[in-house]
Structures are given as structure tokens and as C-alpha cells.
Amino acid sequence: MGKVIAVCVSEKKGTQKKNVDSAQLVADWGIEHDAHAGNWHRQVSLLSYEKVEEFRARGAVVDDGAFGENLVISGYDFKTLPVGTKFRCGDVLLELTQIGKECHAHCAIYHAMGDCIMPREGVFTRVLRGGVVSVGDEFVIAEEDA
């Protein structure tokens, strides 16, 4: 079982996301008011809290959302889960669509640390069923679509 640690959005692509504590997720779209929402397969990005903490332990000073992640979740190593895995958080149902991403232009974190975890640790989901996600919410692998 996992737990929501941060809910992050940004108004423009290419900018760091900020923790807003709670957000409305819209089916087939993503998070309201987030620059990466849209009709595509990378509507909501997830990053493991434990992987962020490991990176911080190496000396990185990064806030929630610094990697461009929408949701920071404790309790899962997302990259080990198969594409198609479904997650439930209250009424929200997400489906894992992509693991990792290619980094075309190194971000500020990479330039400062010589590394960035998002390309290998971050995963992407699409919203199957919308609702509100808030810090502190339970986040679980859904056995069924219900």
C-alpha cells in the first residue's frame, strides 16, 4: 500500500512543478491546471518518494515537483511494475502507460548533480476515472477496474 506525499502542478511546460496538496484529476485528460494534461498517454507522472529521498541523501536539494512529477507516492518502486498496472486513490483510477522517458536536454538537476532520476524512475499514467487526490491519501494497486 502506498501514500500520497505530494500533488504537484505547473502552469507551463519546462518549469518546476509546485506542491498544491490537492488536485482534481479529469478522466482522459490529467490534472486540472497542469501543463502536461491533455489527450495523450502521459497525463499524470508518478515518482517514488523513496527514490527521491535516496537522491536527496546524495546531496541534492530538491523540492517536491522538481523533477516534473505530478504525484510523489511512498511505498512503490514504480519502474518494477508492468505497463497496464492500475492504481486507485479514492475515486481516481490510473493506468500505467510508460516507464521512464528519454531526456533530450539535461535539466538543472542533472547539471547540478550529474544525474536526474526522472528518466529512469518516473512513470506515466492516464486517468481512467477522475476525482480528487490529496496529500495523505491511500494509493493502491487496483485489482480490478472497480
C-alpha atoms as a PDB file:
ATOM      1  CA  MET A   1       0.000   0.000   0.000  1.00  0.00           C
ATOM      2  CA  GLY A   2       1.185   3.485  -0.812  1.00  0.00           C
ATOM      3  CA  LYS A   3       0.511   7.005   0.365  1.00  0.00           C
ATOM      4  CA  VAL A   4       0.363  10.332  -1.493  1.00  0.00           C
ATOM      5  CA  ILE A   5       3.237  12.538  -0.279  1.00  0.00           C
ATOM      6  CA  ALA A   6       2.854  15.431  -2.762  1.00  0.00           C
ATOM      7  CA  VAL A   7       0.464  16.590  -5.501  1.00  0.00           C
ATOM      8  CA  CYS A   8       2.298  18.877  -7.933  1.00  0.00           C
ATOM      9  CA  VAL A   9       1.314  21.002 -10.933  1.00  0.00           C
ATOM     10  CA  SER A  10       2.843  23.631 -13.195  1.00  0.00           C
ATOM     11  CA  GLU A  11       1.129  26.099 -15.499  1.00  0.00           C
ATOM     12  CA  LYS A  12       3.846  25.931 -18.174  1.00  0.00           C
ATOM     13  CA  LYS A  13       5.845  23.039 -19.614  1.00  0.00           C
ATOM     14  CA  GLY A  14       9.541  23.217 -18.822  1.00  0.00           C
ATOM     15  CA  THR A  15       9.007  24.758 -15.386  1.00  0.00           C
ATOM     16  CA  GLN A  16       9.297  23.115 -11.991  1.00  0.00           C
ATOM     17  CA  LYS A  17       6.014  21.867 -10.554  1.00  0.00           C
ATOM     18  CA  LYS A  18       4.810  23.039  -7.128  1.00  0.00           C
ATOM     19  CA  ASN A  19       3.080  21.005  -4.427  1.00  0.00           C
ATOM     20  CA  VAL A  20      -0.549  22.163  -4.239  1.00  0.00           C
ATOM     21  CA  ASP A  21      -1.591  19.498  -1.661  1.00  0.00           C
ATOM     22  CA  SER A  22      -4.789  18.536  -3.537  1.00  0.00           C
ATOM     23  CA  ALA A  23      -5.950  18.494  -7.160  1.00  0.00           C
ATOM     24  CA  GLN A  24      -8.820  17.411  -9.380  1.00  0.00           C
ATOM     25  CA  LEU A  25      -7.956  14.666 -11.874  1.00  0.00           C
ATOM     26  CA  VAL A  26     -10.102  14.532 -15.004  1.00  0.00           C
ATOM     27  CA  ALA A  27     -10.729  11.298 -16.939  1.00  0.00           C
ATOM     28  CA  ASP A  28      -8.890  11.130 -20.283  1.00  0.00           C
ATOM     29  CA  TRP A  29      -7.185  14.458 -19.536  1.00  0.00           C
ATOM     30  CA  GLY A  30      -4.998  14.589 -16.395  1.00  0.00           C
ATOM     31  CA  ILE A  31      -4.714  17.085 -13.566  1.00  0.00           C
ATOM     32  CA  GLU A  32      -6.710  20.296 -13.891  1.00  0.00           C
ATOM     33  CA  HIS A  33      -4.468  23.332 -14.425  1.00  0.00           C
ATOM     34  CA  ASP A  34      -1.363  21.231 -15.161  1.00  0.00           C
ATOM     35  CA  ALA A  35       0.612  21.999 -18.315  1.00  0.00           C
ATOM     36  CA  HIS A  36       1.072  18.300 -19.139  1.00  0.00           C
ATOM     37  CA  ALA A  37      -2.631  17.423 -19.074  1.00  0.00           C
ATOM     38  CA  GLY A  38      -4.123  16.508 -22.413  1.00  0.00           C
ATOM     39  CA  ASN A  39      -5.391  13.744 -24.615  1.00  0.00           C
ATOM     40  CA  TRP A  40      -2.268  11.570 -24.596  1.00  0.00           C
ATOM     41  CA  HIS A  41      -0.667   8.693 -22.684  1.00  0.00           C
ATOM     42  CA  ARG A  42       1.428  10.783 -20.236  1.00  0.00           C
ATOM     43  CA  GLN A  43      -1.355  12.631 -18.389  1.00  0.00           C
ATOM     44  CA  VAL A  44      -0.065  12.150 -14.817  1.00  0.00           C
ATOM     45  CA  SER A  45       3.519  11.369 -13.803  1.00  0.00           C
ATOM     46  CA  LEU A  46       4.434   9.411 -10.673  1.00  0.00           C
ATOM     47  CA  LEU A  47       7.692   9.254  -8.752  1.00  0.00           C
ATOM     48  CA  SER A  48       8.577   7.130  -5.747  1.00  0.00           C
ATOM     49  CA  TYR A  49       9.144   9.087  -2.533  1.00  0.00           C
ATOM     50  CA  GLU A  50      11.830   6.582  -1.531  1.00  0.00           C
ATOM     51  CA  LYS A  51      13.770   7.216  -4.773  1.00  0.00           C
ATOM     52  CA  VAL A  52      13.557  10.987  -4.211  1.00  0.00           C
ATOM     53  CA  GLU A  53      14.876  10.506  -0.656  1.00  0.00           C
ATOM     54  CA  GLU A  54      17.788   8.372  -1.928  1.00  0.00           C
ATOM     55  CA  PHE A  55      18.639  11.177  -4.360  1.00  0.00           C
ATOM     56  CA  ARG A  56      18.439  13.765  -1.571  1.00  0.00           C
ATOM     57  CA  ALA A  57      20.766  11.598   0.543  1.00  0.00           C
ATOM     58  CA  ARG A  58      23.384  12.043  -2.202  1.00  0.00           C
ATOM     59  CA  GLY A  59      23.336  15.788  -1.527  1.00  0.00           C
ATOM     60  CA  ALA A  60      20.625  17.012  -3.864  1.00  0.00           C
ATOM     61  CA  VAL A  61      18.423  19.831  -2.629  1.00  0.00           C
ATOM     62  CA  VAL A  62      15.158  19.244  -4.483  1.00  0.00           C
ATOM     63  CA  ASP A  63      11.606  20.241  -3.628  1.00  0.00           C
ATOM     64  CA  ASP A  64       8.534  18.175  -4.441  1.00  0.00           C
ATOM     65  CA  GLY A  65       7.822  18.658  -8.137  1.00  0.00           C
ATOM     66  CA  ALA A  66      11.443  19.482  -9.014  1.00  0.00           C
ATOM     67  CA  PHE A  67      11.680  16.510 -11.383  1.00  0.00           C
ATOM     68  CA  GLY A  68       8.440  17.456 -13.136  1.00  0.00           C
ATOM     69  CA  GLU A  69       6.475  14.776 -11.308  1.00  0.00           C
ATOM     70  CA  ASN A  70       2.781  15.211 -10.548  1.00  0.00           C
ATOM     71  CA  LEU A  71       2.432  12.718  -7.716  1.00  0.00           C
ATOM     72  CA  VAL A  72       5.074  11.674  -5.191  1.00  0.00           C
ATOM     73  CA  ILE A  73       3.987   8.338  -3.722  1.00  0.00           C
ATOM     74  CA  SER A  74       5.564   6.321  -0.914  1.00  0.00           C
ATOM     75  CA  GLY A  75       5.502   2.541  -0.880  1.00  0.00           C
ATOM     76  CA  TYR A  76       6.235   1.606  -4.520  1.00  0.00           C
ATOM     77  CA  ASP A  77       9.210   1.175  -6.823  1.00  0.00           C
ATOM     78  CA  PHE A  78       7.191   2.117  -9.894  1.00  0.00           C
ATOM     79  CA  LYS A  79       9.731   1.102 -12.524  1.00  0.00           C
ATOM     80  CA  THR A  80       9.378  -2.552 -11.437  1.00  0.00           C
ATOM     81  CA  LEU A  81       5.654  -2.630 -12.256  1.00  0.00           C
ATOM     82  CA  PRO A  82       4.415  -3.590 -15.727  1.00  0.00           C
ATOM     83  CA  VAL A  83       2.747  -1.214 -18.158  1.00  0.00           C
ATOM     84  CA  GLY A  84      -1.004  -1.702 -17.721  1.00  0.00           C
ATOM     85  CA  THR A  85      -0.854  -1.745 -13.903  1.00  0.00           C
ATOM     86  CA  LYS A  86      -3.819   0.160 -12.479  1.00  0.00           C
ATOM     87  CA  PHE A  87      -3.758   2.322  -9.360  1.00  0.00           C
ATOM     88  CA  ARG A  88      -6.636   3.521  -7.199  1.00  0.00           C
ATOM     89  CA  CYS A  89      -6.649   6.594  -4.994  1.00  0.00           C
ATOM     90  CA  GLY A  90     -10.136   7.290  -3.642  1.00  0.00           C
ATOM     91  CA  ASP A  91     -12.359   7.584  -6.716  1.00  0.00           C
ATOM     92  CA  VAL A  92      -9.408   8.044  -9.074  1.00  0.00           C
ATOM     93  CA  LEU A  93      -8.255   5.185 -11.294  1.00  0.00           C
ATOM     94  CA  LEU A  94      -4.940   5.490 -13.167  1.00  0.00           C
ATOM     95  CA  GLU A  95      -3.314   3.142 -15.677  1.00  0.00           C
ATOM     96  CA  LEU A  96       0.470   2.884 -16.070  1.00  0.00           C
ATOM     97  CA  THR A  97       1.317   3.678 -19.707  1.00  0.00           C
ATOM     98  CA  GLN A  98       5.074   4.340 -19.785  1.00  0.00           C
ATOM     99  CA  ILE A  99       8.109   3.627 -17.621  1.00  0.00           C
ATOM    100  CA  GLY A 100      10.845   6.238 -17.752  1.00  0.00           C
ATOM    101  CA  LYS A 101      11.461   8.707 -20.540  1.00  0.00           C
ATOM    102  CA  GLU A 102      14.251   9.901 -22.757  1.00  0.00           C
ATOM    103  CA  CYS A 103      15.897  13.085 -21.556  1.00  0.00           C
ATOM    104  CA  HIS A 104      16.717  15.186 -24.629  1.00  0.00           C
ATOM    105  CA  ALA A 105      18.052  18.274 -22.852  1.00  0.00           C
ATOM    106  CA  HIS A 106      19.548  17.805 -19.414  1.00  0.00           C
ATOM    107  CA  CYS A 107      17.645  19.661 -16.708  1.00  0.00           C
ATOM    108  CA  ALA A 108      19.040  21.924 -13.990  1.00  0.00           C
ATOM    109  CA  ILE A 109      19.089  18.977 -11.550  1.00  0.00           C
ATOM    110  CA  TYR A 110      21.290  16.980 -13.939  1.00  0.00           C
ATOM    111  CA  HIS A 111      23.672  19.919 -14.369  1.00  0.00           C
ATOM    112  CA  ALA A 112      23.936  20.392 -10.587  1.00  0.00           C
ATOM    113  CA  MET A 113      24.189  16.709  -9.620  1.00  0.00           C
ATOM    114  CA  GLY A 114      25.422  14.956 -12.767  1.00  0.00           C
ATOM    115  CA  ASP A 115      22.280  12.829 -12.606  1.00  0.00           C
ATOM    116  CA  CYS A 116      18.486  13.041 -12.681  1.00  0.00           C
ATOM    117  CA  ILE A 117      16.224  10.219 -11.554  1.00  0.00           C
ATOM    118  CA  MET A 118      13.080  11.078 -13.539  1.00  0.00           C
ATOM    119  CA  PRO A 119      14.191   9.492 -16.839  1.00  0.00           C
ATOM    120  CA  ARG A 120      14.680   6.080 -15.191  1.00  0.00           C
ATOM    121  CA  GLU A 121      12.475   6.200 -12.054  1.00  0.00           C
ATOM    122  CA  GLY A 122       9.489   8.241 -13.208  1.00  0.00           C
ATOM    123  CA  VAL A 123       6.438   6.586 -14.717  1.00  0.00           C
ATOM    124  CA  PHE A 124       3.448   7.937 -16.588  1.00  0.00           C
ATOM    125  CA  THR A 125      -0.241   7.185 -16.345  1.00  0.00           C
ATOM    126  CA  ARG A 126      -3.515   8.075 -17.978  1.00  0.00           C
ATOM    127  CA  VAL A 127      -6.632   8.890 -15.969  1.00  0.00           C
ATOM    128  CA  LEU A 128      -9.323   6.232 -16.406  1.00  0.00           C
ATOM    129  CA  ARG A 129     -11.617   7.705 -13.741  1.00  0.00           C
ATOM    130  CA  GLY A 130     -11.342  11.178 -12.259  1.00  0.00           C
ATOM    131  CA  GLY A 131     -11.676  12.588  -8.774  1.00  0.00           C
ATOM    132  CA  VAL A 132      -9.663  14.446  -6.167  1.00  0.00           C
ATOM    133  CA  VAL A 133      -6.216  13.325  -4.993  1.00  0.00           C
ATOM    134  CA  SER A 134      -4.780  14.869  -1.821  1.00  0.00           C
ATOM    135  CA  VAL A 135      -1.630  14.568   0.260  1.00  0.00           C
ATOM    136  CA  GLY A 136      -2.126  11.766   2.797  1.00  0.00           C
ATOM    137  CA  ASP A 137      -4.491   9.717   0.610  1.00  0.00           C
ATOM    138  CA  GLU A 138      -4.034   5.971   0.327  1.00  0.00           C
ATOM    139  CA  PHE A 139      -2.671   4.902  -3.083  1.00  0.00           C
ATOM    140  CA  VAL A 140      -3.016   1.220  -4.005  1.00  0.00           C
ATOM    141  CA  ILE A 141      -2.625  -1.158  -6.921  1.00  0.00           C
ATOM    142  CA  ALA A 142      -6.157  -1.821  -8.180  1.00  0.00           C
ATOM    143  CA  GLU A 143      -7.030  -5.473  -8.557  1.00  0.00           C
ATOM    144  CA  GLU A 144      -9.914  -4.645 -10.881  1.00  0.00           C
ATOM    145  CA  ASP A 145     -11.276  -1.569 -12.641  1.00  0.00           C
ATOM    146  CA  ALA A 146     -13.843  -1.116  -9.850  1.00  0.00           C
END
